[in-house]
Amino acid sequence: MDPQRLKDNFALVGTHGQDVTAYFYSDLFERDPALRPLFPASMAKQEQMLLEALVQVVSLVDDAPALVPYAQELGRRHAGYGVTSEHYPQVGASLLATLEYFSGPAWNQELANDWATAFGLLSQIMSEAAAEAAS
C-alpha cells in the first residue's frame, strides 16, 4: 500500500466535494437497502461527517500512532449506531465504487489494491474496537 498514492488520489476525488458522499450513500443503499434505517432521513449532516472522517483517515494513513486511536473511536461510535462487522464489506465495496467513479481515467488496479488494503485495515481496527467496547 502506497500512502502517498492514496493521498494523491483522494485529493483528486475530493475536488468533487459533496457529490462524492452522495454517490457513496446512493451506492451503499442500492447494494443493501436494509442499511438505510441506520441513517437519518436527511443525509446532509451524515454526508459531511463522512467526508470529514475520510479526510482525517487519509491524512493519517501514514501515521499509525495517530490513525489507530482515531479508527478505534470511529469503531466504537459506529457500534453505537448499530453498525456491525457484517456491514463493513458493503461499505468497502461502495467506497471502492465511489473512488473508482470519481477517479475517472486515473483509476487503476494499483489504486484499487491500495484502497482495498487501507479499508481492510481500517475496518479491522474499527471492528475490534467495537467488539472490545461491547464486552
N, C-alpha and C. Protein backbone atom coordinates (compact mmCIF):
# COMPACT_ATOMS: atom_id res chain seq x y z
N MET A 1 0.85 -1.18 0.00
CA MET A 1 0.00 0.00 0.00
C MET A 1 0.89 1.25 0.00
N ASP A 2 0.59 2.15 -0.89
CA ASP A 2 1.37 3.38 -1.04
C ASP A 2 0.56 4.55 -0.48
N PRO A 3 0.89 5.02 0.73
CA PRO A 3 0.11 6.11 1.33
C PRO A 3 0.06 7.37 0.48
N GLN A 4 1.15 7.70 -0.18
CA GLN A 4 1.13 8.92 -0.99
C GLN A 4 0.19 8.77 -2.19
N ARG A 5 0.14 7.58 -2.75
CA ARG A 5 -0.78 7.35 -3.87
C ARG A 5 -2.23 7.51 -3.40
N LEU A 6 -2.52 7.03 -2.19
CA LEU A 6 -3.87 7.21 -1.63
C LEU A 6 -4.18 8.69 -1.42
N LYS A 7 -3.22 9.40 -0.87
CA LYS A 7 -3.43 10.84 -0.63
C LYS A 7 -3.63 11.59 -1.94
N ASP A 8 -2.82 11.28 -2.93
CA ASP A 8 -2.95 11.95 -4.23
C ASP A 8 -4.30 11.64 -4.87
N ASN A 9 -4.71 10.38 -4.79
CA ASN A 9 -5.99 10.00 -5.38
C ASN A 9 -7.15 10.66 -4.64
N PHE A 10 -7.06 10.70 -3.33
CA PHE A 10 -8.14 11.32 -2.56
C PHE A 10 -8.22 12.82 -2.84
N ALA A 11 -7.09 13.45 -3.07
CA ALA A 11 -7.10 14.87 -3.45
C ALA A 11 -7.86 15.07 -4.76
N LEU A 12 -7.66 14.17 -5.70
CA LEU A 12 -8.38 14.23 -6.96
C LEU A 12 -9.88 14.00 -6.74
N VAL A 13 -10.21 12.96 -6.02
CA VAL A 13 -11.61 12.62 -5.75
C VAL A 13 -12.28 13.75 -4.97
N GLY A 14 -11.56 14.32 -4.03
CA GLY A 14 -12.11 15.37 -3.18
C GLY A 14 -12.52 16.62 -3.92
N THR A 15 -12.03 16.82 -5.12
CA THR A 15 -12.43 18.01 -5.89
C THR A 15 -13.91 17.96 -6.25
N HIS A 16 -14.53 16.81 -6.10
CA HIS A 16 -15.95 16.65 -6.40
C HIS A 16 -16.84 16.91 -5.18
N GLY A 17 -16.24 17.21 -4.04
CA GLY A 17 -16.96 17.61 -2.83
C GLY A 17 -18.08 16.67 -2.42
N GLN A 18 -19.22 17.26 -2.11
CA GLN A 18 -20.36 16.51 -1.57
C GLN A 18 -20.92 15.49 -2.56
N ASP A 19 -20.63 15.65 -3.84
CA ASP A 19 -21.09 14.64 -4.81
C ASP A 19 -20.51 13.27 -4.47
N VAL A 20 -19.32 13.26 -3.90
CA VAL A 20 -18.66 12.00 -3.55
C VAL A 20 -19.46 11.27 -2.49
N THR A 21 -19.84 11.96 -1.44
CA THR A 21 -20.57 11.30 -0.36
C THR A 21 -22.00 10.95 -0.78
N ALA A 22 -22.62 11.79 -1.58
CA ALA A 22 -23.97 11.47 -2.07
C ALA A 22 -23.92 10.21 -2.93
N TYR A 23 -22.91 10.10 -3.77
CA TYR A 23 -22.75 8.92 -4.62
C TYR A 23 -22.52 7.69 -3.74
N PHE A 24 -21.64 7.83 -2.75
CA PHE A 24 -21.33 6.72 -1.85
C PHE A 24 -22.59 6.17 -1.20
N TYR A 25 -23.39 7.05 -0.60
CA TYR A 25 -24.58 6.57 0.10
C TYR A 25 -25.61 6.01 -0.87
N SER A 26 -25.74 6.59 -2.04
CA SER A 26 -26.65 6.04 -3.04
C SER A 26 -26.23 4.62 -3.41
N ASP A 27 -24.93 4.42 -3.62
CA ASP A 27 -24.41 3.10 -3.95
C ASP A 27 -24.62 2.13 -2.78
N LEU A 28 -24.34 2.58 -1.58
CA LEU A 28 -24.48 1.73 -0.40
C LEU A 28 -25.92 1.26 -0.22
N PHE A 29 -26.87 2.18 -0.33
CA PHE A 29 -28.26 1.81 -0.11
C PHE A 29 -28.82 0.97 -1.26
N GLU A 30 -28.23 1.12 -2.43
CA GLU A 30 -28.62 0.25 -3.54
C GLU A 30 -28.09 -1.16 -3.31
N ARG A 31 -26.88 -1.27 -2.81
CA ARG A 31 -26.28 -2.58 -2.52
C ARG A 31 -27.03 -3.30 -1.40
N ASP A 32 -27.39 -2.53 -0.38
CA ASP A 32 -28.02 -3.13 0.80
C ASP A 32 -29.06 -2.18 1.38
N PRO A 33 -30.29 -2.23 0.84
CA PRO A 33 -31.35 -1.34 1.32
C PRO A 33 -31.63 -1.47 2.83
N ALA A 34 -31.29 -2.60 3.41
CA ALA A 34 -31.52 -2.80 4.85
C ALA A 34 -30.67 -1.86 5.70
N LEU A 35 -29.63 -1.25 5.12
CA LEU A 35 -28.79 -0.32 5.87
C LEU A 35 -29.43 1.06 6.01
N ARG A 36 -30.36 1.39 5.15
CA ARG A 36 -30.93 2.75 5.13
C ARG A 36 -31.49 3.17 6.49
N PRO A 37 -32.20 2.29 7.22
CA PRO A 37 -32.75 2.70 8.52
C PRO A 37 -31.70 3.07 9.57
N LEU A 38 -30.45 2.72 9.35
CA LEU A 38 -29.40 3.10 10.31
C LEU A 38 -29.03 4.57 10.21
N PHE A 39 -29.56 5.26 9.20
CA PHE A 39 -29.17 6.64 8.92
C PHE A 39 -30.35 7.58 9.06
N PRO A 40 -30.07 8.87 9.30
CA PRO A 40 -31.16 9.85 9.43
C PRO A 40 -31.85 10.08 8.08
N ALA A 41 -33.07 10.61 8.15
CA ALA A 41 -33.84 10.89 6.93
C ALA A 41 -33.08 11.89 6.06
N SER A 42 -32.60 12.96 6.67
CA SER A 42 -31.82 13.95 5.94
C SER A 42 -30.35 13.57 6.04
N MET A 43 -29.73 13.38 4.90
CA MET A 43 -28.37 12.87 4.88
C MET A 43 -27.29 13.95 4.84
N ALA A 44 -27.66 15.22 4.78
CA ALA A 44 -26.67 16.29 4.60
C ALA A 44 -25.60 16.27 5.70
N LYS A 45 -26.03 16.19 6.96
CA LYS A 45 -25.05 16.17 8.06
C LYS A 45 -24.22 14.88 8.02
N GLN A 46 -24.88 13.77 7.72
CA GLN A 46 -24.18 12.49 7.63
C GLN A 46 -23.12 12.52 6.54
N GLU A 47 -23.48 13.10 5.39
CA GLU A 47 -22.51 13.19 4.29
C GLU A 47 -21.31 14.04 4.68
N GLN A 48 -21.56 15.12 5.40
CA GLN A 48 -20.47 15.98 5.86
C GLN A 48 -19.56 15.24 6.84
N MET A 49 -20.18 14.48 7.75
CA MET A 49 -19.40 13.71 8.73
C MET A 49 -18.55 12.65 8.03
N LEU A 50 -19.11 12.00 7.01
CA LEU A 50 -18.34 11.01 6.27
C LEU A 50 -17.15 11.66 5.58
N LEU A 51 -17.39 12.78 4.94
CA LEU A 51 -16.30 13.47 4.24
C LEU A 51 -15.20 13.87 5.21
N GLU A 52 -15.57 14.39 6.37
CA GLU A 52 -14.58 14.77 7.39
C GLU A 52 -13.80 13.56 7.88
N ALA A 53 -14.49 12.43 8.08
CA ALA A 53 -13.80 11.22 8.54
C ALA A 53 -12.83 10.72 7.47
N LEU A 54 -13.26 10.75 6.21
CA LEU A 54 -12.37 10.31 5.13
C LEU A 54 -11.14 11.21 5.04
N VAL A 55 -11.35 12.50 5.15
CA VAL A 55 -10.21 13.44 5.10
C VAL A 55 -9.24 13.12 6.24
N GLN A 56 -9.77 12.89 7.42
CA GLN A 56 -8.92 12.59 8.58
C GLN A 56 -8.16 11.28 8.39
N VAL A 57 -8.86 10.24 7.97
CA VAL A 57 -8.22 8.94 7.78
C VAL A 57 -7.12 9.02 6.73
N VAL A 58 -7.42 9.66 5.61
CA VAL A 58 -6.42 9.76 4.55
C VAL A 58 -5.22 10.60 5.01
N SER A 59 -5.48 11.65 5.76
CA SER A 59 -4.37 12.48 6.23
C SER A 59 -3.46 11.71 7.20
N LEU A 60 -4.02 10.71 7.87
CA LEU A 60 -3.25 9.94 8.86
C LEU A 60 -2.79 8.58 8.35
N VAL A 61 -3.04 8.29 7.07
CA VAL A 61 -2.77 6.96 6.54
C VAL A 61 -1.32 6.52 6.73
N ASP A 62 -0.41 7.46 6.81
CA ASP A 62 1.00 7.10 7.02
C ASP A 62 1.47 7.42 8.44
N ASP A 63 0.52 7.55 9.37
CA ASP A 63 0.84 7.87 10.77
C ASP A 63 0.04 6.94 11.69
N ALA A 64 0.45 5.69 11.75
CA ALA A 64 -0.28 4.68 12.53
C ALA A 64 -0.52 5.08 13.99
N PRO A 65 0.46 5.70 14.70
CA PRO A 65 0.20 6.06 16.09
C PRO A 65 -0.97 7.05 16.25
N ALA A 66 -1.26 7.83 15.23
CA ALA A 66 -2.41 8.75 15.30
C ALA A 66 -3.65 8.11 14.68
N LEU A 67 -3.47 7.32 13.63
CA LEU A 67 -4.60 6.74 12.94
C LEU A 67 -5.32 5.69 13.78
N VAL A 68 -4.59 4.84 14.46
CA VAL A 68 -5.21 3.74 15.20
C VAL A 68 -6.20 4.24 16.25
N PRO A 69 -5.84 5.18 17.12
CA PRO A 69 -6.83 5.65 18.10
C PRO A 69 -8.04 6.32 17.44
N TYR A 70 -7.81 7.03 16.34
CA TYR A 70 -8.92 7.66 15.64
C TYR A 70 -9.86 6.59 15.08
N ALA A 71 -9.29 5.55 14.47
CA ALA A 71 -10.10 4.47 13.91
C ALA A 71 -10.82 3.70 15.01
N GLN A 72 -10.16 3.52 16.15
CA GLN A 72 -10.82 2.83 17.27
C GLN A 72 -12.03 3.62 17.75
N GLU A 73 -11.88 4.92 17.84
CA GLU A 73 -13.01 5.76 18.27
C GLU A 73 -14.14 5.69 17.24
N LEU A 74 -13.79 5.72 15.96
CA LEU A 74 -14.81 5.57 14.91
C LEU A 74 -15.55 4.25 15.07
N GLY A 75 -14.82 3.19 15.34
CA GLY A 75 -15.44 1.87 15.52
C GLY A 75 -16.40 1.83 16.68
N ARG A 76 -15.98 2.40 17.81
CA ARG A 76 -16.86 2.43 18.98
C ARG A 76 -18.11 3.26 18.71
N ARG A 77 -17.92 4.40 18.06
CA ARG A 77 -19.05 5.28 17.75
C ARG A 77 -20.03 4.60 16.78
N HIS A 78 -19.49 3.96 15.75
CA HIS A 78 -20.35 3.29 14.78
C HIS A 78 -21.11 2.12 15.40
N ALA A 79 -20.48 1.42 16.32
CA ALA A 79 -21.18 0.33 17.01
C ALA A 79 -22.40 0.88 17.74
N GLY A 80 -22.27 2.06 18.31
CA GLY A 80 -23.39 2.70 19.00
C GLY A 80 -24.53 3.06 18.07
N TYR A 81 -24.25 3.17 16.79
CA TYR A 81 -25.28 3.47 15.79
C TYR A 81 -25.92 2.20 15.24
N GLY A 82 -25.44 1.04 15.68
CA GLY A 82 -25.98 -0.22 15.20
C GLY A 82 -25.18 -0.87 14.09
N VAL A 83 -24.02 -0.32 13.79
CA VAL A 83 -23.16 -0.90 12.75
C VAL A 83 -22.49 -2.15 13.31
N THR A 84 -22.49 -3.20 12.52
CA THR A 84 -21.82 -4.44 12.92
C THR A 84 -20.71 -4.77 11.92
N SER A 85 -19.89 -5.72 12.27
CA SER A 85 -18.79 -6.09 11.37
C SER A 85 -19.30 -6.64 10.04
N GLU A 86 -20.53 -7.14 10.01
CA GLU A 86 -21.11 -7.65 8.77
C GLU A 86 -21.41 -6.52 7.78
N HIS A 87 -21.48 -5.28 8.24
CA HIS A 87 -21.76 -4.15 7.37
C HIS A 87 -20.52 -3.66 6.62
N TYR A 88 -19.36 -3.94 7.15
CA TYR A 88 -18.13 -3.38 6.57
C TYR A 88 -17.87 -3.80 5.11
N PRO A 89 -18.15 -5.05 4.72
CA PRO A 89 -17.90 -5.38 3.31
C PRO A 89 -18.73 -4.54 2.32
N GLN A 90 -19.99 -4.27 2.65
CA GLN A 90 -20.80 -3.43 1.76
C GLN A 90 -20.26 -2.01 1.72
N VAL A 91 -19.86 -1.51 2.86
CA VAL A 91 -19.29 -0.16 2.93
C VAL A 91 -18.01 -0.10 2.10
N GLY A 92 -17.16 -1.09 2.23
CA GLY A 92 -15.93 -1.14 1.46
C GLY A 92 -16.19 -1.20 -0.03
N ALA A 93 -17.15 -2.00 -0.43
CA ALA A 93 -17.49 -2.11 -1.86
C ALA A 93 -18.01 -0.78 -2.39
N SER A 94 -18.84 -0.11 -1.61
CA SER A 94 -19.36 1.20 -2.04
C SER A 94 -18.26 2.25 -2.07
N LEU A 95 -17.36 2.19 -1.11
CA LEU A 95 -16.25 3.14 -1.10
C LEU A 95 -15.38 2.96 -2.34
N LEU A 96 -15.05 1.72 -2.65
CA LEU A 96 -14.23 1.47 -3.84
C LEU A 96 -14.95 1.89 -5.12
N ALA A 97 -16.24 1.62 -5.20
CA ALA A 97 -17.01 2.02 -6.38
C ALA A 97 -17.02 3.54 -6.52
N THR A 98 -17.15 4.23 -5.40
CA THR A 98 -17.18 5.70 -5.40
C THR A 98 -15.83 6.26 -5.82
N LEU A 99 -14.77 5.73 -5.23
CA LEU A 99 -13.43 6.20 -5.58
C LEU A 99 -13.13 5.95 -7.06
N GLU A 100 -13.52 4.79 -7.54
CA GLU A 100 -13.30 4.48 -8.95
C GLU A 100 -14.06 5.45 -9.84
N TYR A 101 -15.32 5.70 -9.51
CA TYR A 101 -16.15 6.59 -10.32
C TYR A 101 -15.55 8.00 -10.41
N PHE A 102 -15.15 8.55 -9.26
CA PHE A 102 -14.66 9.92 -9.23
C PHE A 102 -13.18 10.05 -9.62
N SER A 103 -12.47 8.94 -9.69
CA SER A 103 -11.09 8.97 -10.15
C SER A 103 -11.02 9.02 -11.67
N GLY A 104 -12.06 8.55 -12.33
CA GLY A 104 -12.07 8.54 -13.79
C GLY A 104 -10.90 7.74 -14.34
N PRO A 105 -10.23 8.28 -15.36
CA PRO A 105 -9.15 7.53 -16.00
C PRO A 105 -7.92 7.33 -15.11
N ALA A 106 -7.84 8.03 -13.98
CA ALA A 106 -6.70 7.85 -13.07
C ALA A 106 -6.79 6.53 -12.30
N TRP A 107 -8.00 5.90 -12.30
CA TRP A 107 -8.19 4.67 -11.55
C TRP A 107 -7.45 3.52 -12.23
N ASN A 108 -6.78 2.71 -11.42
CA ASN A 108 -6.10 1.53 -11.96
C ASN A 108 -6.06 0.45 -10.88
N GLN A 109 -5.53 -0.69 -11.22
CA GLN A 109 -5.52 -1.82 -10.29
C GLN A 109 -4.68 -1.53 -9.04
N GLU A 110 -3.58 -0.79 -9.20
CA GLU A 110 -2.76 -0.44 -8.02
C GLU A 110 -3.56 0.37 -7.02
N LEU A 111 -4.31 1.37 -7.52
CA LEU A 111 -5.15 2.18 -6.62
C LEU A 111 -6.22 1.31 -5.96
N ALA A 112 -6.84 0.47 -6.76
CA ALA A 112 -7.87 -0.42 -6.21
C ALA A 112 -7.29 -1.27 -5.09
N ASN A 113 -6.11 -1.82 -5.31
CA ASN A 113 -5.47 -2.66 -4.29
C ASN A 113 -5.10 -1.84 -3.05
N ASP A 114 -4.56 -0.64 -3.27
CA ASP A 114 -4.18 0.22 -2.15
C ASP A 114 -5.39 0.56 -1.29
N TRP A 115 -6.47 0.99 -1.96
CA TRP A 115 -7.68 1.36 -1.21
C TRP A 115 -8.28 0.15 -0.50
N ALA A 116 -8.30 -0.99 -1.16
CA ALA A 116 -8.85 -2.19 -0.53
C ALA A 116 -8.04 -2.58 0.70
N THR A 117 -6.73 -2.48 0.60
CA THR A 117 -5.87 -2.78 1.74
C THR A 117 -6.11 -1.79 2.87
N ALA A 118 -6.14 -0.51 2.54
CA ALA A 118 -6.36 0.53 3.55
C ALA A 118 -7.70 0.35 4.23
N PHE A 119 -8.75 0.11 3.45
CA PHE A 119 -10.07 -0.07 4.06
C PHE A 119 -10.12 -1.34 4.89
N GLY A 120 -9.45 -2.39 4.43
CA GLY A 120 -9.41 -3.62 5.21
C GLY A 120 -8.78 -3.42 6.58
N LEU A 121 -7.68 -2.68 6.60
CA LEU A 121 -7.03 -2.39 7.88
C LEU A 121 -7.91 -1.51 8.76
N LEU A 122 -8.49 -0.49 8.17
CA LEU A 122 -9.36 0.42 8.92
C LEU A 122 -10.56 -0.33 9.50
N SER A 123 -11.21 -1.14 8.69
CA SER A 123 -12.38 -1.86 9.18
C SER A 123 -12.01 -2.87 10.25
N GLN A 124 -10.83 -3.46 10.15
CA GLN A 124 -10.39 -4.39 11.18
C GLN A 124 -10.20 -3.67 12.51
N ILE A 125 -9.55 -2.52 12.48
CA ILE A 125 -9.33 -1.74 13.71
C ILE A 125 -10.68 -1.30 14.29
N MET A 126 -11.56 -0.83 13.43
CA MET A 126 -12.87 -0.37 13.89
C MET A 126 -13.68 -1.52 14.49
N SER A 127 -13.69 -2.66 13.82
CA SER A 127 -14.45 -3.82 14.31
C SER A 127 -13.92 -4.32 15.65
N GLU A 128 -12.60 -4.38 15.76
CA GLU A 128 -12.01 -4.85 17.02
C GLU A 128 -12.33 -3.89 18.16
N ALA A 129 -12.27 -2.59 17.90
CA ALA A 129 -12.59 -1.62 18.95
C ALA A 129 -14.06 -1.71 19.35
N ALA A 130 -14.92 -1.92 18.38
CA ALA A 130 -16.35 -2.05 18.68
C ALA A 130 -16.61 -3.30 19.51
N ALA A 131 -15.94 -4.40 19.17
CA ALA A 131 -16.11 -5.65 19.91
C ALA A 131 -15.60 -5.50 21.35
N GLU A 132 -14.46 -4.82 21.51
CA GLU A 132 -13.91 -4.60 22.86
C GLU A 132 -14.87 -3.75 23.69
N ALA A 133 -15.45 -2.74 23.08
CA ALA A 133 -16.37 -1.86 23.80
C ALA A 133 -17.63 -2.59 24.22
N ALA A 134 -18.04 -3.57 23.42
CA ALA A 134 -19.26 -4.31 23.72
C ALA A 134 -19.07 -5.36 24.81
N SER A 135 -17.82 -5.76 25.04
CA SER A 135 -17.58 -6.83 26.02
C SER A 135 -17.34 -6.30 27.42
